Amino acid sequence: MSADPGGGPDLCSAKGCRTPAGWQLRWNNPKIHTPDRRKVWLACDEHRESLEKFLGARGFLKETVAHEE
């Protein structure tokens, strides 16, 4: 997760998307991360499902929660 260096809103992690994020997709890769480690991708409403499917197909997605800035 990273905020816009210019002080703008946190943006969706989908390639090329500049929409403010409304969701955190918390995940880990069990081959390289400890079980309690969580990486975070941000998602807008439009890209939430596709990013969840991408991570879910690999068994990486642990949870999706609302993103609060």
PDB file of N, CA and C in Angstrom:
ATOM      1  N   MET A   1       0.833  -1.160   0.000  1.00  0.00           N
ATOM      2  CA  MET A   1       0.000   0.000   0.000  1.00  0.00           C
ATOM      3  C   MET A   1       0.884   1.230   0.000  1.00  0.00           C
ATOM      4  N   SER A   2       0.585   2.130  -0.852  1.00  0.00           N
ATOM      5  CA  SER A   2       1.341   3.378  -0.794  1.00  0.00           C
ATOM      6  C   SER A   2       0.472   4.510  -1.292  1.00  0.00           C
ATOM      7  N   ALA A   3       0.560   5.589  -0.595  1.00  0.00           N
ATOM      8  CA  ALA A   3      -0.189   6.781  -0.976  1.00  0.00           C
ATOM      9  C   ALA A   3       0.538   7.478  -2.114  1.00  0.00           C
ATOM     10  N   ASP A   4      -0.200   8.249  -2.848  1.00  0.00           N
ATOM     11  CA  ASP A   4       0.375   9.081  -3.904  1.00  0.00           C
ATOM     12  C   ASP A   4       1.361  10.040  -3.259  1.00  0.00           C
ATOM     13  N   PRO A   5       2.619  10.118  -3.763  1.00  0.00           N
ATOM     14  CA  PRO A   5       3.594  11.013  -3.156  1.00  0.00           C
ATOM     15  C   PRO A   5       3.151  12.474  -3.163  1.00  0.00           C
ATOM     16  N   GLY A   6       2.228  12.821  -4.039  1.00  0.00           N
ATOM     17  CA  GLY A   6       1.731  14.185  -4.094  1.00  0.00           C
ATOM     18  C   GLY A   6       0.645  14.455  -3.070  1.00  0.00           C
ATOM     19  N   GLY A   7       0.355  13.477  -2.212  1.00  0.00           N
ATOM     20  CA  GLY A   7      -0.648  13.666  -1.168  1.00  0.00           C
ATOM     21  C   GLY A   7      -2.045  13.282  -1.597  1.00  0.00           C
ATOM     22  N   GLY A   8      -2.187  12.673  -2.789  1.00  0.00           N
ATOM     23  CA  GLY A   8      -3.493  12.253  -3.260  1.00  0.00           C
ATOM     24  C   GLY A   8      -3.937  10.968  -2.599  1.00  0.00           C
ATOM     25  N   PRO A   9      -5.068  10.432  -3.029  1.00  0.00           N
ATOM     26  CA  PRO A   9      -5.608   9.207  -2.435  1.00  0.00           C
ATOM     27  C   PRO A   9      -4.782   7.975  -2.817  1.00  0.00           C
ATOM     28  N   ASP A  10      -4.918   6.912  -2.031  1.00  0.00           N
ATOM     29  CA  ASP A  10      -4.322   5.627  -2.381  1.00  0.00           C
ATOM     30  C   ASP A  10      -5.065   5.104  -3.608  1.00  0.00           C
ATOM     31  N   LEU A  11      -4.321   4.608  -4.591  1.00  0.00           N
ATOM     32  CA  LEU A  11      -4.906   4.201  -5.864  1.00  0.00           C
ATOM     33  C   LEU A  11      -4.954   2.698  -6.018  1.00  0.00           C
ATOM     34  N   CYS A  12      -5.865   2.247  -6.853  1.00  0.00           N
ATOM     35  CA  CYS A  12      -6.022   0.837  -7.203  1.00  0.00           C
ATOM     36  C   CYS A  12      -4.708   0.288  -7.757  1.00  0.00           C
ATOM     37  N   SER A  13      -4.411  -0.972  -7.421  1.00  0.00           N
ATOM     38  CA  SER A  13      -3.181  -1.625  -7.869  1.00  0.00           C
ATOM     39  C   SER A  13      -3.274  -2.209  -9.280  1.00  0.00           C
ATOM     40  N   ALA A  14      -4.463  -2.226  -9.887  1.00  0.00           N
ATOM     41  CA  ALA A  14      -4.602  -2.765 -11.239  1.00  0.00           C
ATOM     42  C   ALA A  14      -3.776  -1.925 -12.208  1.00  0.00           C
ATOM     43  N   LYS A  15      -3.129  -2.595 -13.137  1.00  0.00           N
ATOM     44  CA  LYS A  15      -2.246  -1.921 -14.095  1.00  0.00           C
ATOM     45  C   LYS A  15      -2.986  -0.800 -14.821  1.00  0.00           C
ATOM     46  N   GLY A  16      -2.438   0.408 -14.732  1.00  0.00           N
ATOM     47  CA  GLY A  16      -2.978   1.554 -15.445  1.00  0.00           C
ATOM     48  C   GLY A  16      -4.166   2.234 -14.789  1.00  0.00           C
ATOM     49  N   CYS A  17      -4.680   1.669 -13.693  1.00  0.00           N
ATOM     50  CA  CYS A  17      -5.850   2.256 -13.042  1.00  0.00           C
ATOM     51  C   CYS A  17      -5.418   3.412 -12.149  1.00  0.00           C
ATOM     52  N   ARG A  18      -6.130   4.505 -12.233  1.00  0.00           N
ATOM     53  CA  ARG A  18      -5.835   5.693 -11.419  1.00  0.00           C
ATOM     54  C   ARG A  18      -7.016   6.025 -10.494  1.00  0.00           C
ATOM     55  N   THR A  19      -7.872   5.038 -10.258  1.00  0.00           N
ATOM     56  CA  THR A  19      -9.053   5.225  -9.427  1.00  0.00           C
ATOM     57  C   THR A  19      -8.694   5.035  -7.944  1.00  0.00           C
ATOM     58  N   PRO A  20      -9.240   5.872  -7.063  1.00  0.00           N
ATOM     59  CA  PRO A  20      -8.998   5.674  -5.633  1.00  0.00           C
ATOM     60  C   PRO A  20      -9.450   4.277  -5.182  1.00  0.00           C
ATOM     61  N   ALA A  21      -8.667   3.697  -4.288  1.00  0.00           N
ATOM     62  CA  ALA A  21      -8.945   2.349  -3.790  1.00  0.00           C
ATOM     63  C   ALA A  21     -10.044   2.363  -2.739  1.00  0.00           C
ATOM     64  N   GLY A  22     -10.865   1.347  -2.771  1.00  0.00           N
ATOM     65  CA  GLY A  22     -11.893   1.163  -1.754  1.00  0.00           C
ATOM     66  C   GLY A  22     -11.721  -0.137  -0.993  1.00  0.00           C
ATOM     67  N   TRP A  23     -10.773  -0.975  -1.459  1.00  0.00           N
ATOM     68  CA  TRP A  23     -10.583  -2.311  -0.891  1.00  0.00           C
ATOM     69  C   TRP A  23      -9.116  -2.641  -0.710  1.00  0.00           C
ATOM     70  N   GLN A  24      -8.831  -3.444   0.294  1.00  0.00           N
ATOM     71  CA  GLN A  24      -7.504  -4.030   0.494  1.00  0.00           C
ATOM     72  C   GLN A  24      -7.638  -5.527   0.271  1.00  0.00           C
ATOM     73  N   LEU A  25      -6.839  -6.057  -0.632  1.00  0.00           N
ATOM     74  CA  LEU A  25      -6.769  -7.499  -0.846  1.00  0.00           C
ATOM     75  C   LEU A  25      -5.501  -7.967  -0.145  1.00  0.00           C
ATOM     76  N   ARG A  26      -5.684  -8.675   0.947  1.00  0.00           N
ATOM     77  CA  ARG A  26      -4.551  -9.116   1.758  1.00  0.00           C
ATOM     78  C   ARG A  26      -4.201 -10.548   1.360  1.00  0.00           C
ATOM     79  N   TRP A  27      -2.935 -10.755   1.060  1.00  0.00           N
ATOM     80  CA  TRP A  27      -2.512 -12.039   0.508  1.00  0.00           C
ATOM     81  C   TRP A  27      -1.109 -12.392   0.970  1.00  0.00           C
ATOM     82  N   ASN A  28      -0.733 -13.650   0.723  1.00  0.00           N
ATOM     83  CA  ASN A  28       0.650 -14.061   0.872  1.00  0.00           C
ATOM     84  C   ASN A  28       0.932 -15.247  -0.037  1.00  0.00           C
ATOM     85  N   ASN A  29       2.182 -15.385  -0.391  1.00  0.00           N
ATOM     86  CA  ASN A  29       2.642 -16.517  -1.185  1.00  0.00           C
ATOM     87  C   ASN A  29       3.290 -17.485  -0.205  1.00  0.00           C
ATOM     88  N   PRO A  30       2.644 -18.625   0.079  1.00  0.00           N
ATOM     89  CA  PRO A  30       3.164 -19.529   1.106  1.00  0.00           C
ATOM     90  C   PRO A  30       4.543 -20.110   0.782  1.00  0.00           C
ATOM     91  N   LYS A  31       4.956 -20.036  -0.457  1.00  0.00           N
ATOM     92  CA  LYS A  31       6.293 -20.539  -0.802  1.00  0.00           C
ATOM     93  C   LYS A  31       7.400 -19.598  -0.350  1.00  0.00           C
ATOM     94  N   ILE A  32       7.074 -18.307  -0.170  1.00  0.00           N
ATOM     95  CA  ILE A  32       8.123 -17.351   0.202  1.00  0.00           C
ATOM     96  C   ILE A  32       7.802 -16.514   1.438  1.00  0.00           C
ATOM     97  N   HIS A  33       6.552 -16.529   1.923  1.00  0.00           N
ATOM     98  CA  HIS A  33       6.169 -15.722   3.075  1.00  0.00           C
ATOM     99  C   HIS A  33       5.795 -16.620   4.253  1.00  0.00           C
ATOM    100  N   THR A  34       6.043 -16.137   5.463  1.00  0.00           N
ATOM    101  CA  THR A  34       5.577 -16.853   6.646  1.00  0.00           C
ATOM    102  C   THR A  34       4.049 -16.799   6.675  1.00  0.00           C
ATOM    103  N   PRO A  35       3.397 -17.766   7.340  1.00  0.00           N
ATOM    104  CA  PRO A  35       1.925 -17.817   7.321  1.00  0.00           C
ATOM    105  C   PRO A  35       1.230 -16.553   7.818  1.00  0.00           C
ATOM    106  N   ASP A  36       1.854 -15.808   8.729  1.00  0.00           N
ATOM    107  CA  ASP A  36       1.208 -14.614   9.272  1.00  0.00           C
ATOM    108  C   ASP A  36       1.491 -13.346   8.473  1.00  0.00           C
ATOM    109  N   ARG A  37       2.369 -13.414   7.487  1.00  0.00           N
ATOM    110  CA  ARG A  37       2.711 -12.234   6.676  1.00  0.00           C
ATOM    111  C   ARG A  37       1.577 -11.912   5.720  1.00  0.00           C
ATOM    112  N   ARG A  38       1.261 -10.632   5.563  1.00  0.00           N
ATOM    113  CA  ARG A  38       0.240 -10.201   4.613  1.00  0.00           C
ATOM    114  C   ARG A  38       0.799  -9.096   3.733  1.00  0.00           C
ATOM    115  N   LYS A  39       0.759  -9.334   2.440  1.00  0.00           N
ATOM    116  CA  LYS A  39       1.032  -8.312   1.452  1.00  0.00           C
ATOM    117  C   LYS A  39      -0.333  -7.698   1.122  1.00  0.00           C
ATOM    118  N   VAL A  40      -0.353  -6.482   0.589  1.00  0.00           N
ATOM    119  CA  VAL A  40      -1.628  -5.814   0.315  1.00  0.00           C
ATOM    120  C   VAL A  40      -1.631  -5.232  -1.086  1.00  0.00           C
ATOM    121  N   TRP A  41      -2.654  -5.584  -1.836  1.00  0.00           N
ATOM    122  CA  TRP A  41      -2.962  -4.906  -3.081  1.00  0.00           C
ATOM    123  C   TRP A  41      -4.204  -4.079  -2.817  1.00  0.00           C
ATOM    124  N   LEU A  42      -4.248  -2.891  -3.391  1.00  0.00           N
ATOM    125  CA  LEU A  42      -5.430  -2.045  -3.285  1.00  0.00           C
ATOM    126  C   LEU A  42      -6.283  -2.229  -4.528  1.00  0.00           C
ATOM    127  N   ALA A  43      -7.597  -2.121  -4.359  1.00  0.00           N
ATOM    128  CA  ALA A  43      -8.505  -2.303  -5.492  1.00  0.00           C
ATOM    129  C   ALA A  43      -9.643  -1.292  -5.449  1.00  0.00           C
ATOM    130  N   CYS A  44     -10.039  -0.842  -6.630  1.00  0.00           N
ATOM    131  CA  CYS A  44     -11.254  -0.043  -6.762  1.00  0.00           C
ATOM    132  C   CYS A  44     -12.410  -1.033  -6.942  1.00  0.00           C
ATOM    133  N   ASP A  45     -13.644  -0.548  -6.943  1.00  0.00           N
ATOM    134  CA  ASP A  45     -14.799  -1.434  -7.116  1.00  0.00           C
ATOM    135  C   ASP A  45     -14.733  -2.191  -8.442  1.00  0.00           C
ATOM    136  N   GLU A  46     -14.286  -1.516  -9.499  1.00  0.00           N
ATOM    137  CA  GLU A  46     -14.246  -2.126 -10.828  1.00  0.00           C
ATOM    138  C   GLU A  46     -13.259  -3.290 -10.912  1.00  0.00           C
ATOM    139  N   HIS A  47     -12.125  -3.186 -10.237  1.00  0.00           N
ATOM    140  CA  HIS A  47     -11.073  -4.204 -10.357  1.00  0.00           C
ATOM    141  C   HIS A  47     -11.014  -5.197  -9.197  1.00  0.00           C
ATOM    142  N   ARG A  48     -11.832  -5.004  -8.192  1.00  0.00           N
ATOM    143  CA  ARG A  48     -11.795  -5.897  -7.018  1.00  0.00           C
ATOM    144  C   ARG A  48     -11.926  -7.361  -7.421  1.00  0.00           C
ATOM    145  N   GLU A  49     -12.950  -7.688  -8.178  1.00  0.00           N
ATOM    146  CA  GLU A  49     -13.217  -9.085  -8.523  1.00  0.00           C
ATOM    147  C   GLU A  49     -12.084  -9.701  -9.336  1.00  0.00           C
ATOM    148  N   SER A  50     -11.581  -8.988 -10.332  1.00  0.00           N
ATOM    149  CA  SER A  50     -10.525  -9.568 -11.174  1.00  0.00           C
ATOM    150  C   SER A  50      -9.231  -9.768 -10.385  1.00  0.00           C
ATOM    151  N   LEU A  51      -8.898  -8.842  -9.493  1.00  0.00           N
ATOM    152  CA  LEU A  51      -7.699  -9.011  -8.669  1.00  0.00           C
ATOM    153  C   LEU A  51      -7.887 -10.146  -7.661  1.00  0.00           C
ATOM    154  N   GLU A  52      -9.092 -10.276  -7.097  1.00  0.00           N
ATOM    155  CA  GLU A  52      -9.373 -11.393  -6.189  1.00  0.00           C
ATOM    156  C   GLU A  52      -9.256 -12.730  -6.924  1.00  0.00           C
ATOM    157  N   LYS A  53      -9.765 -12.798  -8.143  1.00  0.00           N
ATOM    158  CA  LYS A  53      -9.668 -14.038  -8.919  1.00  0.00           C
ATOM    159  C   LYS A  53      -8.218 -14.390  -9.229  1.00  0.00           C
ATOM    160  N   PHE A  54      -7.420 -13.383  -9.590  1.00  0.00           N
ATOM    161  CA  PHE A  54      -6.007 -13.604  -9.888  1.00  0.00           C
ATOM    162  C   PHE A  54      -5.297 -14.197  -8.678  1.00  0.00           C
ATOM    163  N   LEU A  55      -5.464 -13.561  -7.519  1.00  0.00           N
ATOM    164  CA  LEU A  55      -4.811 -14.049  -6.310  1.00  0.00           C
ATOM    165  C   LEU A  55      -5.410 -15.378  -5.841  1.00  0.00           C
ATOM    166  N   GLY A  56      -6.724 -15.501  -5.940  1.00  0.00           N
ATOM    167  CA  GLY A  56      -7.410 -16.720  -5.504  1.00  0.00           C
ATOM    168  C   GLY A  56      -7.027 -17.944  -6.315  1.00  0.00           C
ATOM    169  N   ALA A  57      -6.849 -17.776  -7.619  1.00  0.00           N
ATOM    170  CA  ALA A  57      -6.479 -18.902  -8.481  1.00  0.00           C
ATOM    171  C   ALA A  57      -5.123 -19.481  -8.092  1.00  0.00           C
ATOM    172  N   ARG A  58      -4.290 -18.677  -7.459  1.00  0.00           N
ATOM    173  CA  ARG A  58      -2.959 -19.100  -7.033  1.00  0.00           C
ATOM    174  C   ARG A  58      -2.934 -19.534  -5.562  1.00  0.00           C
ATOM    175  N   GLY A  59      -4.075 -19.411  -4.886  1.00  0.00           N
ATOM    176  CA  GLY A  59      -4.156 -19.753  -3.474  1.00  0.00           C
ATOM    177  C   GLY A  59      -3.514 -18.721  -2.570  1.00  0.00           C
ATOM    178  N   PHE A  60      -3.369 -17.486  -3.055  1.00  0.00           N
ATOM    179  CA  PHE A  60      -2.682 -16.442  -2.295  1.00  0.00           C
ATOM    180  C   PHE A  60      -3.626 -15.561  -1.481  1.00  0.00           C
ATOM    181  N   LEU A  61      -4.857 -15.373  -1.925  1.00  0.00           N
ATOM    182  CA  LEU A  61      -5.779 -14.430  -1.282  1.00  0.00           C
ATOM    183  C   LEU A  61      -6.192 -14.944   0.089  1.00  0.00           C
ATOM    184  N   LYS A  62      -6.028 -14.104   1.100  1.00  0.00           N
ATOM    185  CA  LYS A  62      -6.411 -14.460   2.466  1.00  0.00           C
ATOM    186  C   LYS A  62      -7.678 -13.752   2.901  1.00  0.00           C
ATOM    187  N   GLU A  63      -7.822 -12.465   2.538  1.00  0.00           N
ATOM    188  CA  GLU A  63      -9.025 -11.737   2.904  1.00  0.00           C
ATOM    189  C   GLU A  63      -9.119 -10.438   2.103  1.00  0.00           C
ATOM    190  N   THR A  64     -10.342  -9.933   2.004  1.00  0.00           N
ATOM    191  CA  THR A  64     -10.595  -8.626   1.394  1.00  0.00           C
ATOM    192  C   THR A  64     -11.339  -7.799   2.422  1.00  0.00           C
ATOM    193  N   VAL A  65     -10.828  -6.594   2.665  1.00  0.00           N
ATOM    194  CA  VAL A  65     -11.447  -5.698   3.645  1.00  0.00           C
ATOM    195  C   VAL A  65     -11.544  -4.302   3.052  1.00  0.00           C
ATOM    196  N   ALA A  66     -12.447  -3.505   3.606  1.00  0.00           N
ATOM    197  CA  ALA A  66     -12.589  -2.124   3.168  1.00  0.00           C
ATOM    198  C   ALA A  66     -11.289  -1.365   3.430  1.00  0.00           C
ATOM    199  N   HIS A  67     -10.931  -0.474   2.516  1.00  0.00           N
ATOM    200  CA  HIS A  67      -9.718   0.342   2.667  1.00  0.00           C
ATOM    201  C   HIS A  67     -10.093   1.673   3.255  1.00  0.00           C
ATOM    202  N   GLU A  68      -9.470   2.015   4.364  1.00  0.00           N
ATOM    203  CA  GLU A  68      -9.664   3.306   5.023  1.00  0.00           C
ATOM    204  C   GLU A  68      -8.369   4.105   4.845  1.00  0.00           C
ATOM    205  N   GLU A  69      -8.458   5.303   4.282  1.00  0.00           N
ATOM    206  CA  GLU A  69      -7.244   6.113   4.106  1.00  0.00           C
ATOM    207  C   GLU A  69      -6.908   6.837   5.372  1.00  0.00           C
TER     208      GLU A  69
END
